[in-house]
């Protein structure tokens, strides 16, 4: 028998979810702080959820309404993460709180692990129909309900892994920072028109700076047109399943009108841009949830993660970001690919590269686990069959036309490296890590061991919330006058207290007349009057 003390000391469902995360992800997690939600925040939630469930009862995927219950989401108040996690555990998922847009690699890694990143804040009443900023309406009432469908839940996890493995460019980071900045400005009640203009211009400039469409950008488009803005069923009468549609009063109504073109879901969606600042002009319709996997399979087949070889090296080379190579013996090298020297002919399927050069720091790992501390210099991967002595001088003549000489100091460290290809001298680092590999099965985005990489090179200050976001939250809280907050609370108490007291309702209505701009408060009072 479990003692009462043991029950009291047991971690909450949310705490258990957080403790299961690796340290580099836990640093993005924040406490929900339910006491920070104002009475108006709860009114926003109630207004949206009642309107959505009424609007979506016939237009959403069949699992939507039952999925709200199955994932611990009620209509009357903002859900507690503990309430959600008690239900999500049975579905093989969990939820943790975050602030706003977290880095895409963190979001997708969490999703691949079956963890929903729930933006703990809620949209303002001014943006009740739609906001580009992540909030608890979108993340919980949008993403969670369809998880009750196991096939879709499996897709969401795998889609997360695909996004996590896709190679991102340096410009993708600039776009992420611009989107995050815009979302903060949009939800800051003190933001000026000039700040709005600059935030939108920054996003346009960041998007225009992209030299090419990266794998990561394509993965985000696939996610957007399916998990965020997906329709399922027939083109003539599709159902909503995307979180952006299920959590937006405006989009939920707009998406089924003739103003929105409905296209059969295909791999073309990864070549279709989207704009987070406006409603979507077209949407993609999946035949069923199996169709999602068909498109995901086709997309994965285009990625360096799956293709490896020259294709993967070229993707990593033009990305200018940290990625990792998987060699034929299973070793993983994390670093920046800076040079690829072609071979005289094919060496393996999809591989016609003599040597790849990586800029340090270099992390060597196997099965996603770092083997040692990072190497601060460069690394070379010479492709082809060959062998090196355990220690000492070596000469290596490879089928690629590459000839190398040097002195092997340790398993991978070599000094006095010299080389030429078909008689042409090569500019190689004289002190480096040298690896031999007959093939290149995979080139994937980011470090092979994100935790180890974060330990050495991460920003170890709290990444949960930036200064601008904290300031916006403070301004939002300060923008609600105490008198208005008290009125919202009184209205809520009146509704939950049983039969409506007409005298008390009349008094609240009279007091609310002093705040004509509070349309949501007026709507709450009108609803109570209708309930009498």
Protein backbone atom coordinates (compact mmCIF):
# COMPACT_ATOMS: atom_id res chain seq x y z
CA UNK A 1 0.00 0.00 0.00
CA UNK A 2 1.35 3.45 -0.99
CA UNK A 3 1.49 5.85 1.94
CA UNK A 4 -0.09 9.30 1.82
CA UNK A 5 3.34 10.86 2.31
CA UNK A 6 4.71 8.98 -0.69
CA UNK A 7 1.83 10.23 -2.83
CA UNK A 8 2.49 13.80 -1.72
CA UNK A 9 6.20 13.47 -2.53
CA UNK A 10 5.63 11.85 -5.93
CA UNK A 11 6.42 14.12 -8.87
CA UNK A 12 3.51 15.54 -10.80
CA UNK A 13 2.77 14.23 -14.30
CA UNK A 14 4.34 17.36 -15.77
CA UNK A 15 7.42 17.08 -13.58
CA UNK A 16 7.83 13.46 -14.69
CA UNK A 17 7.63 14.61 -18.33
CA UNK A 18 10.29 17.27 -17.73
CA UNK A 19 12.62 14.90 -15.88
CA UNK A 20 12.57 12.52 -18.83
CA UNK A 21 13.99 15.23 -21.10
CA UNK A 22 17.73 15.59 -21.74
CA UNK A 23 19.32 18.64 -20.15
CA UNK A 24 19.70 20.59 -23.41
CA UNK A 25 15.90 20.48 -23.87
CA UNK A 26 14.97 21.06 -20.23
CA UNK A 27 16.55 24.51 -20.41
CA UNK A 28 13.77 25.62 -22.78
CA UNK A 29 11.03 24.51 -20.42
CA UNK A 30 9.16 26.94 -18.18
CA UNK A 31 6.64 26.48 -15.41
CA UNK A 32 3.09 27.16 -16.49
CA UNK A 33 2.35 29.57 -13.59
CA UNK A 34 -1.47 29.18 -13.61
CA UNK A 35 -1.79 32.04 -11.12
CA UNK A 36 -0.46 34.41 -13.78
CA UNK A 37 -3.55 33.91 -15.95
CA UNK A 38 -5.95 36.80 -15.45
CA UNK A 39 -9.75 36.44 -15.28
CA UNK A 40 -9.81 37.97 -18.77
CA UNK A 41 -7.35 35.29 -19.98
CA UNK A 42 -9.78 32.60 -18.83
CA UNK A 43 -12.60 34.47 -20.56
CA UNK A 44 -10.55 34.49 -23.78
CA UNK A 45 -10.06 30.72 -23.50
CA UNK A 46 -13.73 30.09 -22.74
CA UNK A 47 -14.93 32.31 -25.59
CA UNK A 48 -12.63 30.64 -28.14
CA UNK A 49 -13.27 27.05 -27.05
CA UNK A 50 -17.04 27.39 -26.94
CA UNK A 51 -17.10 29.04 -30.35
CA UNK A 52 -14.64 26.53 -31.82
CA UNK A 53 -16.37 23.41 -30.55
CA UNK A 54 -19.69 24.68 -31.87
CA UNK A 55 -18.18 25.58 -35.23
CA UNK A 56 -16.06 22.46 -35.55
CA UNK A 57 -18.53 19.80 -34.42
CA UNK A 58 -19.42 19.07 -38.05
CA UNK A 59 -16.30 20.31 -39.87
CA UNK A 60 -13.35 18.93 -37.85
CA UNK A 61 -11.89 15.43 -38.08
CA UNK A 62 -14.00 12.88 -36.24
CA UNK A 63 -11.51 12.57 -33.37
CA UNK A 64 -11.52 16.30 -32.52
CA UNK A 65 -14.30 16.60 -29.91
CA UNK A 66 -13.54 13.29 -28.21
CA UNK A 67 -9.85 14.16 -28.46
CA UNK A 68 -10.34 17.27 -26.33
CA UNK A 69 -11.61 15.08 -23.50
CA UNK A 70 -8.99 12.39 -24.16
CA UNK A 71 -6.18 14.94 -23.78
CA UNK A 72 -7.47 16.75 -20.67
CA UNK A 73 -8.77 19.92 -22.32
CA UNK A 74 -11.97 21.49 -21.01
CA UNK A 75 -13.97 24.44 -22.28
CA UNK A 76 -14.36 26.56 -19.17
CA UNK A 77 -10.80 27.30 -18.11
CA UNK A 78 -7.25 27.28 -19.43
CA UNK A 79 -6.04 23.69 -18.99
CA UNK A 80 -3.36 22.83 -16.49
CA UNK A 81 -0.46 20.90 -17.93
CA UNK A 82 -0.90 18.35 -15.16
CA UNK A 83 -4.48 17.79 -16.33
CA UNK A 84 -3.24 17.27 -19.86
CA UNK A 85 -0.33 15.02 -18.91
CA UNK A 86 -2.54 12.70 -16.87
CA UNK A 87 -4.41 11.99 -20.10
CA UNK A 88 -1.54 12.24 -22.59
CA UNK A 89 0.49 9.58 -20.79
CA UNK A 90 -2.09 7.00 -21.88
CA UNK A 91 -1.51 8.06 -25.49
CA UNK A 92 2.28 7.82 -25.27
CA UNK A 93 2.71 11.61 -25.23
CA UNK A 94 3.39 14.37 -22.77
CA UNK A 95 3.41 18.17 -22.70
CA UNK A 96 5.80 20.77 -21.31
CA UNK A 97 5.55 24.55 -21.09
CA UNK A 98 7.69 26.87 -23.21
CA UNK A 99 7.69 30.58 -24.07
CA UNK A 100 6.82 31.56 -27.62
CA UNK A 101 8.76 30.24 -30.61
CA UNK A 102 11.57 27.96 -29.44
CA UNK A 103 14.32 27.08 -31.97
CA UNK A 104 13.03 24.72 -34.67
CA UNK A 105 15.61 22.03 -33.81
CA UNK A 106 14.38 21.99 -30.21
CA UNK A 107 10.70 21.93 -31.23
CA UNK A 108 11.17 19.08 -33.69
CA UNK A 109 13.37 17.07 -31.33
CA UNK A 110 10.70 17.31 -28.62
CA UNK A 111 8.02 16.27 -31.08
CA UNK A 112 10.06 13.29 -32.27
CA UNK A 113 10.12 12.18 -28.61
CA UNK A 114 6.34 12.47 -28.29
CA UNK A 115 6.45 15.74 -26.34
CA UNK A 116 4.22 18.70 -27.16
CA UNK A 117 5.86 22.07 -26.57
CA UNK A 118 2.97 24.09 -25.13
CA UNK A 119 3.36 27.87 -25.27
CA UNK A 120 2.26 28.77 -21.76
CA UNK A 121 0.94 32.25 -22.60
CA UNK A 122 -2.47 32.97 -24.09
CA UNK A 123 -3.35 35.44 -26.83
CA UNK A 124 -4.81 38.83 -25.97
CA UNK A 125 -8.51 39.51 -26.47
CA UNK A 126 -7.60 41.89 -29.31
CA UNK A 127 -6.26 38.90 -31.29
CA UNK A 128 -8.92 36.40 -30.30
CA UNK A 129 -9.62 35.21 -33.86
CA UNK A 130 -5.99 34.68 -34.90
CA UNK A 131 -2.47 35.42 -33.69
CA UNK A 132 0.90 34.48 -35.26
CA UNK A 133 2.32 34.05 -31.76
CA UNK A 134 2.28 30.54 -30.27
CA UNK A 135 -0.15 30.37 -27.37
CA UNK A 136 -1.84 27.76 -25.23
CA UNK A 137 -5.00 27.82 -27.35
CA UNK A 138 -3.06 26.81 -30.47
CA UNK A 139 -0.65 24.39 -28.82
CA UNK A 140 -3.16 22.54 -26.64
CA UNK A 141 -6.61 22.85 -28.22
CA UNK A 142 -5.04 22.78 -31.69
CA UNK A 143 -2.34 20.13 -31.57
CA UNK A 144 -3.45 17.79 -28.79
CA UNK A 145 -6.96 16.57 -29.75
CA UNK A 146 -6.07 14.73 -32.97
CA UNK A 147 -3.40 12.80 -31.06
CA UNK A 148 -6.31 10.60 -30.00
CA UNK A 149 -6.03 9.14 -33.51
CA UNK A 150 -3.04 6.79 -33.25
CA UNK A 151 -2.18 6.97 -36.95
CA UNK A 152 -1.98 10.75 -36.83
CA UNK A 153 -0.03 10.69 -33.56
CA UNK A 154 2.54 8.42 -35.23
CA UNK A 155 2.78 10.83 -38.16
CA UNK A 156 3.38 13.79 -35.88
CA UNK A 157 6.27 12.03 -34.15
CA UNK A 158 7.87 10.98 -37.39
CA UNK A 159 7.34 14.39 -38.93
CA UNK A 160 9.22 15.78 -35.93
CA UNK A 161 12.13 13.44 -36.53
CA UNK A 162 12.24 14.40 -40.21
CA UNK A 163 12.36 18.09 -39.34
CA UNK A 164 15.03 17.41 -36.74
CA UNK A 165 17.24 15.57 -39.27
CA UNK A 166 16.78 18.07 -42.11
CA UNK A 167 19.72 20.38 -42.82
CA UNK A 168 19.13 24.05 -41.97
CA UNK A 169 20.99 27.01 -43.49
CA UNK A 170 22.48 29.99 -41.68
CA UNK A 171 19.68 32.14 -43.13
CA UNK A 172 17.06 29.85 -41.57
CA UNK A 173 18.27 31.08 -38.19
CA UNK A 174 17.72 34.70 -39.25
CA UNK A 175 14.17 33.87 -40.35
CA UNK A 176 13.46 32.13 -37.03
CA UNK A 177 14.71 35.13 -35.05
CA UNK A 178 12.56 37.47 -37.19
CA UNK A 179 9.43 35.34 -36.72
CA UNK A 180 10.00 35.19 -32.99
CA UNK A 181 10.46 38.97 -32.86
CA UNK A 182 7.25 39.56 -34.84
CA UNK A 183 5.24 37.27 -32.57
CA UNK A 184 6.49 39.16 -29.50
CA UNK A 185 5.63 42.55 -30.98
CA UNK A 186 2.16 41.35 -32.02
CA UNK A 187 1.30 40.38 -28.45
CA UNK A 188 2.85 43.45 -26.78
CA UNK A 189 0.06 45.95 -26.00
CA UNK A 190 2.61 48.77 -25.75
CA UNK A 191 4.20 48.09 -29.16
CA UNK A 192 4.07 51.09 -31.49
CA UNK A 193 3.06 51.17 -35.14
CA UNK A 194 6.72 51.72 -35.98
CA UNK A 195 7.71 48.58 -34.07
CA UNK A 196 5.06 46.63 -35.99
CA UNK A 197 6.39 47.97 -39.29
CA UNK A 198 10.00 47.17 -38.45
CA UNK A 199 9.15 43.66 -37.23
CA UNK A 200 7.32 42.86 -40.46
CA UNK A 201 10.10 44.38 -42.58
CA UNK A 202 12.68 42.37 -40.66
CA UNK A 203 10.82 39.16 -41.47
CA UNK A 204 10.57 40.08 -45.16
CA UNK A 205 14.30 40.92 -45.24
CA UNK A 206 15.25 37.69 -43.47
CA UNK A 207 13.14 35.66 -45.89
CA UNK A 208 14.66 37.48 -48.87
CA UNK A 209 18.18 36.74 -47.57
CA UNK A 210 17.83 33.02 -48.22
CA UNK A 211 20.25 31.93 -50.95
CA UNK A 212 18.25 28.76 -51.61
CA UNK A 213 15.41 26.72 -50.11
CA UNK A 214 17.01 24.49 -47.48
CA UNK A 215 15.91 21.03 -46.42
CA UNK A 216 14.79 22.51 -43.12
CA UNK A 217 12.63 25.11 -44.85
CA UNK A 218 11.00 22.40 -46.94
CA UNK A 219 10.40 20.32 -43.81
CA UNK A 220 8.75 23.31 -42.13
CA UNK A 221 6.50 23.74 -45.17
CA UNK A 222 5.46 20.08 -45.03
CA UNK A 223 4.66 20.51 -41.34
CA UNK A 224 2.77 23.74 -42.01
CA UNK A 225 0.58 22.32 -44.79
CA UNK A 226 -0.21 19.16 -42.82
CA UNK A 227 0.08 19.40 -39.03
CA UNK A 228 -0.69 23.13 -38.92
CA UNK A 229 -3.04 23.81 -41.84
CA UNK A 230 -4.05 20.39 -43.10
CA UNK A 231 -7.43 19.23 -44.36
CA UNK A 232 -8.40 15.57 -44.77
CA UNK A 233 -11.05 13.76 -46.77
CA UNK A 234 -12.54 14.69 -50.11
CA UNK A 235 -11.70 17.89 -51.99
CA UNK A 236 -15.38 18.76 -52.08
CA UNK A 237 -16.02 18.29 -48.36
CA UNK A 238 -12.78 18.04 -46.36
CA UNK A 239 -12.45 17.98 -42.57
CA UNK A 240 -10.07 20.09 -40.48
CA UNK A 241 -7.19 18.46 -38.60
CA UNK A 242 -4.36 21.04 -38.68
CA UNK A 243 -3.72 22.83 -35.38
CA UNK A 244 -3.71 26.28 -36.99
CA UNK A 245 -7.22 25.66 -38.29
CA UNK A 246 -8.54 23.99 -35.14
CA UNK A 247 -7.36 26.83 -32.90
CA UNK A 248 -8.37 29.88 -34.95
CA UNK A 249 -11.94 31.12 -35.12
CA UNK A 250 -11.11 33.09 -38.24
CA UNK A 251 -9.24 30.32 -40.07
CA UNK A 252 -11.74 27.63 -39.06
CA UNK A 253 -14.50 29.56 -40.86
CA UNK A 254 -12.42 30.90 -43.74
CA UNK A 255 -10.70 27.67 -44.75
CA UNK A 256 -13.82 25.95 -46.04
CA UNK A 257 -15.01 28.86 -48.19
CA UNK A 258 -14.59 29.09 -51.94
CA UNK A 259 -11.97 31.81 -51.36
CA UNK A 260 -9.48 29.09 -50.35
CA UNK A 261 -8.24 26.78 -53.11
CA UNK A 262 -8.21 23.11 -52.09
CA UNK A 263 -5.36 21.08 -53.59
CA UNK A 264 -4.68 17.33 -53.29
CA UNK A 265 -1.78 16.80 -50.89
CA UNK A 266 1.43 15.99 -52.72
CA UNK A 267 5.15 16.59 -52.42
CA UNK A 268 4.49 19.94 -54.12
CA UNK A 269 3.59 21.31 -50.69
CA UNK A 270 7.30 21.55 -49.77
CA UNK A 271 7.77 23.99 -52.64
CA UNK A 272 4.81 26.13 -51.54
CA UNK A 273 5.61 29.13 -49.35
CA UNK A 274 3.39 30.31 -46.52
CA UNK A 275 2.85 33.59 -44.72
CA UNK A 276 2.22 33.47 -40.98
CA UNK A 277 0.79 37.01 -40.93
CA UNK A 278 -2.33 36.30 -42.99
CA UNK A 279 -4.94 33.64 -43.70
CA UNK A 280 -3.86 31.05 -46.22
CA UNK A 281 -5.00 31.39 -49.87
CA UNK A 282 -4.77 27.64 -50.54
CA UNK A 283 -4.71 24.46 -48.47
CA UNK A 284 -3.74 20.86 -49.14
CA UNK A 285 -6.18 18.00 -48.60
CA UNK A 286 -4.94 14.54 -47.56
CA UNK A 287 -7.00 11.55 -48.65
CA UNK A 288 -6.61 10.10 -45.14
CA UNK A 289 -3.86 9.92 -42.54
CA UNK A 290 -2.10 7.13 -44.45
CA UNK A 291 -1.68 9.68 -47.24
CA UNK A 292 0.44 11.80 -44.87
CA UNK A 293 2.96 8.99 -44.59
CA UNK A 294 3.10 8.56 -48.37
CA UNK A 295 4.11 12.20 -48.81
CA UNK A 296 6.47 12.07 -45.83
CA UNK A 297 8.19 8.99 -47.29
CA UNK A 298 8.64 10.80 -50.61
CA UNK A 299 10.06 13.86 -48.87
CA UNK A 300 12.47 11.91 -46.67
CA UNK A 301 13.86 10.22 -49.80
CA UNK A 302 15.11 13.65 -50.95
CA UNK A 303 17.04 14.45 -47.76
CA UNK A 304 20.74 14.11 -47.09
CA UNK A 305 19.74 12.20 -43.95
CA UNK A 306 18.45 9.38 -46.16
CA UNK A 307 20.51 9.87 -49.35
CA UNK A 308 23.97 10.60 -47.92
CA UNK A 309 26.73 10.66 -50.53
CA UNK A 310 27.49 13.66 -52.72
CA UNK A 311 23.96 14.98 -52.32
CA UNK A 312 24.25 15.16 -48.54
CA UNK A 313 27.70 16.74 -48.69
CA UNK A 314 26.50 19.42 -51.11
CA UNK A 315 23.52 20.23 -48.86
CA UNK A 316 25.80 20.56 -45.82
CA UNK A 317 28.36 22.56 -47.80
CA UNK A 318 25.95 25.25 -48.94
CA UNK A 319 24.13 25.36 -45.60
CA UNK A 320 27.24 26.68 -43.78
CA UNK A 321 25.91 25.21 -40.54
CA UNK A 322 26.89 22.46 -38.11
CA UNK A 323 25.74 19.06 -39.37
CA UNK A 324 26.93 15.49 -39.05
CA UNK A 325 28.22 12.78 -41.38
CA UNK A 326 27.60 9.09 -40.75
CA UNK A 327 30.48 6.94 -42.05
CA UNK A 328 30.19 3.36 -43.25
CA UNK A 329 31.46 1.96 -39.92
CA UNK A 330 28.79 3.88 -37.96
CA UNK A 331 31.05 6.68 -36.69
CA UNK A 332 29.43 10.11 -36.73
CA UNK A 333 31.39 13.33 -37.35
CA UNK A 334 29.81 16.63 -36.32
CA UNK A 335 31.21 19.86 -37.79
CA UNK A 336 30.86 22.25 -40.74
CA UNK A 337 31.54 20.82 -44.20
CA UNK A 338 33.72 23.40 -45.95
CA UNK A 339 35.21 21.51 -48.94
CA UNK A 340 34.32 18.58 -51.15
CA UNK A 341 36.94 17.40 -53.64
CA UNK A 342 35.49 15.21 -56.43
CA UNK A 343 36.97 11.79 -57.16
CA UNK A 344 38.07 10.62 -60.62
CA UNK A 345 34.94 8.44 -60.77
CA UNK A 346 32.19 6.82 -58.68
CA UNK A 347 33.38 5.15 -55.47
CA UNK A 348 30.02 3.93 -54.18
CA UNK A 349 26.36 4.46 -55.11
CA UNK A 350 25.73 8.21 -55.04
CA UNK A 351 29.30 8.97 -54.02
CA UNK A 352 31.91 10.55 -56.29
CA UNK A 353 33.90 12.43 -53.64
CA UNK A 354 37.59 11.88 -52.93
CA UNK A 355 37.75 13.83 -49.68
CA UNK A 356 35.48 15.99 -47.52
CA UNK A 357 36.93 18.63 -45.22
CA UNK A 358 35.17 19.67 -42.00
CA UNK A 359 35.85 22.81 -40.03
CA UNK A 360 36.10 22.37 -36.27
CA UNK A 361 35.16 21.96 -33.58
CA UNK A 362 34.66 18.29 -34.43
CA UNK A 363 32.62 15.90 -32.28
CA UNK A 364 33.07 12.16 -32.85
CA UNK A 365 30.17 9.97 -31.78
CA UNK A 366 28.52 6.62 -32.33
CA UNK A 367 24.79 5.88 -32.07
CA UNK A 368 24.22 9.49 -31.08
CA UNK A 369 26.62 9.30 -28.10
CA UNK A 370 29.79 11.41 -28.04
CA UNK A 371 32.96 9.35 -27.61
CA UNK A 372 35.30 12.05 -26.32
CA UNK A 373 35.68 15.79 -25.89
CA UNK A 374 35.49 17.82 -29.12
CA UNK A 375 38.54 18.29 -31.33
CA UNK A 376 39.23 21.98 -31.94
CA UNK A 377 40.93 21.51 -35.29
CA UNK A 378 39.73 20.23 -38.65
CA UNK A 379 38.80 16.77 -39.90
CA UNK A 380 39.18 15.03 -43.24
CA UNK A 381 37.19 12.09 -44.55
CA UNK A 382 38.97 10.24 -47.37
CA UNK A 383 36.61 7.97 -49.29
CA UNK A 384 37.64 4.54 -50.52
CA UNK A 385 39.09 1.31 -49.16
CA UNK A 386 42.43 1.47 -47.42
CA UNK A 387 44.20 0.88 -44.11
CA UNK A 388 46.49 2.80 -41.81
CA UNK A 389 49.05 1.57 -39.25
CA UNK A 390 48.05 1.84 -35.61
CA UNK A 391 50.88 4.35 -35.15
CA UNK A 392 53.61 5.81 -37.29
CA UNK A 393 54.27 6.90 -40.87
CA UNK A 394 51.89 5.92 -43.63
CA UNK A 395 51.32 6.22 -47.36
CA UNK A 396 47.83 5.78 -48.70
CA UNK A 397 46.89 5.37 -52.37
CA UNK A 398 43.10 5.43 -52.90
CA UNK A 399 40.98 4.57 -55.97
CA UNK A 400 39.70 8.16 -56.01
CA UNK A 401 43.11 9.33 -57.27
CA UNK A 402 43.96 10.61 -53.81
CA UNK A 403 47.45 9.91 -52.40
CA UNK A 404 48.16 10.78 -48.76
CA UNK A 405 51.24 10.59 -46.54
CA UNK A 406 51.66 11.49 -42.90
CA UNK A 407 52.26 10.22 -39.39
CA UNK A 408 49.47 8.65 -37.37
CA UNK A 409 49.63 9.80 -33.74
CA UNK A 410 46.49 8.11 -32.42
CA UNK A 411 43.35 6.44 -33.71
CA UNK A 412 42.33 9.41 -35.87
CA UNK A 413 44.91 12.14 -35.22
CA UNK A 414 47.58 12.57 -37.90
CA UNK A 415 50.41 15.08 -38.33
CA UNK A 416 52.57 16.15 -41.23
CA UNK A 417 49.76 15.28 -43.64
CA UNK A 418 50.54 15.77 -47.31
CA UNK A 419 48.50 14.83 -50.33
CA UNK A 420 47.91 15.07 -54.05
CA UNK A 421 45.24 13.89 -56.45
CA UNK A 422 46.36 12.48 -59.78
CA UNK A 423 49.59 14.43 -59.39
CA UNK A 424 48.00 17.74 -58.37
CA UNK A 425 49.08 18.86 -54.88
CA UNK A 426 46.24 19.51 -52.44
CA UNK A 427 46.03 22.18 -49.74
CA UNK A 428 45.37 20.02 -46.67
CA UNK A 429 45.72 20.73 -42.95
CA UNK A 430 49.00 19.31 -41.74
CA UNK A 431 47.52 18.42 -38.31
CA UNK A 432 44.03 16.97 -38.43
CA UNK A 433 41.71 14.09 -37.70
CA UNK A 434 41.70 11.65 -40.61
CA UNK A 435 38.94 9.11 -41.29
CA UNK A 436 38.62 6.51 -44.03
CA UNK A 437 35.20 5.44 -45.24
CA UNK A 438 34.12 3.29 -48.18
CA UNK A 439 30.80 5.14 -48.37
CA UNK A 440 28.69 7.88 -46.83
CA UNK A 441 25.28 6.55 -45.76
CA UNK A 442 23.94 9.78 -44.27
CA UNK A 443 24.49 13.52 -43.85
CA UNK A 444 21.98 14.92 -41.37
CA UNK A 445 21.19 18.25 -39.78
CA UNK A 446 22.71 19.43 -36.52
CA UNK A 447 25.05 17.58 -34.16
CA UNK A 448 24.77 13.80 -33.84
CA UNK A 449 24.75 14.16 -30.03
CA UNK A 450 22.86 17.42 -29.34
CA UNK A 451 23.30 17.07 -25.59
CA UNK A 452 27.08 16.75 -25.71
CA UNK A 453 27.33 19.57 -28.25
CA UNK A 454 25.19 21.76 -26.02
CA UNK A 455 27.37 20.95 -23.00
CA UNK A 456 30.44 22.26 -24.78
CA UNK A 457 29.07 25.02 -26.98
CA UNK A 458 25.55 25.90 -25.81
CA UNK A 459 24.47 29.13 -24.19
CA UNK A 460 24.04 28.00 -20.61
CA UNK A 461 22.00 30.97 -19.53
CA UNK A 462 18.26 30.32 -19.39
CA UNK A 463 16.89 30.14 -22.92
CA UNK A 464 13.26 29.86 -21.86
CA UNK A 465 12.42 33.51 -22.30
CA UNK A 466 14.17 36.50 -23.86
CA UNK A 467 14.19 40.05 -22.50
CA UNK A 468 11.72 41.29 -25.12
CA UNK A 469 9.28 38.48 -24.36
CA UNK A 470 9.46 39.08 -20.61
CA UNK A 471 8.82 42.78 -21.20
CA UNK A 472 5.83 42.03 -23.44
CA UNK A 473 4.35 39.71 -20.80
CA UNK A 474 4.75 42.36 -18.11
CA UNK A 475 3.13 45.01 -20.32
CA UNK A 476 0.27 42.69 -21.15
CA UNK A 477 -0.40 41.98 -17.47
CA UNK A 478 -0.16 45.68 -16.60
CA UNK A 479 -2.60 46.62 -19.38
CA UNK A 480 -5.53 45.04 -17.51
CA UNK A 481 -6.96 47.56 -14.97
CA UNK A 482 -7.75 46.11 -11.56
CA UNK A 483 -11.39 47.17 -11.85
CA UNK A 484 -11.78 45.30 -15.18
CA UNK A 485 -10.02 42.20 -13.83
CA UNK A 486 -12.34 42.20 -10.83
CA UNK A 487 -15.40 42.45 -13.11
CA UNK A 488 -14.28 39.46 -15.18
CA UNK A 489 -13.75 37.51 -11.98
CA UNK A 490 -17.19 38.46 -10.66
CA UNK A 491 -18.82 37.38 -13.91
CA UNK A 492 -17.03 34.06 -13.76
CA UNK A 493 -18.02 33.51 -10.14
CA UNK A 494 -21.64 34.33 -10.97
CA UNK A 495 -21.73 31.81 -13.81
CA UNK A 496 -20.19 29.02 -11.74
CA UNK A 497 -22.25 29.70 -8.64
CA UNK A 498 -25.50 28.07 -9.73
CA UNK A 499 -28.71 29.91 -10.65
CA UNK A 500 -28.03 33.43 -11.95
CA UNK A 501 -28.76 36.14 -9.40
CA UNK A 502 -30.59 38.82 -11.43
CA UNK A 503 -29.85 41.64 -9.00
CA UNK A 504 -26.16 40.87 -8.95
CA UNK A 505 -26.08 40.52 -12.74
CA UNK A 506 -27.75 43.91 -13.15
CA UNK A 507 -25.18 45.52 -10.87
CA UNK A 508 -22.28 43.99 -12.82
CA UNK A 509 -23.80 45.10 -16.11
CA UNK A 510 -24.09 48.63 -14.81
CA UNK A 511 -20.48 48.68 -13.68
CA UNK A 512 -19.32 47.24 -17.02
CA UNK A 513 -20.85 50.18 -18.87
CA UNK A 514 -17.87 52.24 -17.69
CA UNK A 515 -15.64 50.02 -19.86
CA UNK A 516 -17.26 49.97 -23.34
CA UNK A 517 -14.04 48.80 -25.03
CA UNK A 518 -14.22 45.50 -23.12
CA UNK A 519 -16.34 43.75 -25.73
CA UNK A 520 -15.53 40.32 -24.30
CA UNK A 521 -16.84 41.36 -20.90
CA UNK A 522 -20.02 42.63 -22.54
CA UNK A 523 -20.38 39.31 -24.38
CA UNK A 524 -20.01 37.39 -21.13
CA UNK A 525 -22.73 39.48 -19.48
CA UNK A 526 -25.06 39.09 -22.46
CA UNK A 527 -24.61 35.33 -22.27
CA UNK A 528 -25.47 35.32 -18.56
CA UNK A 529 -28.59 37.36 -19.23
CA UNK A 530 -29.67 34.76 -21.81
CA UNK A 531 -29.12 31.98 -19.26
CA UNK A 532 -31.59 33.44 -16.74
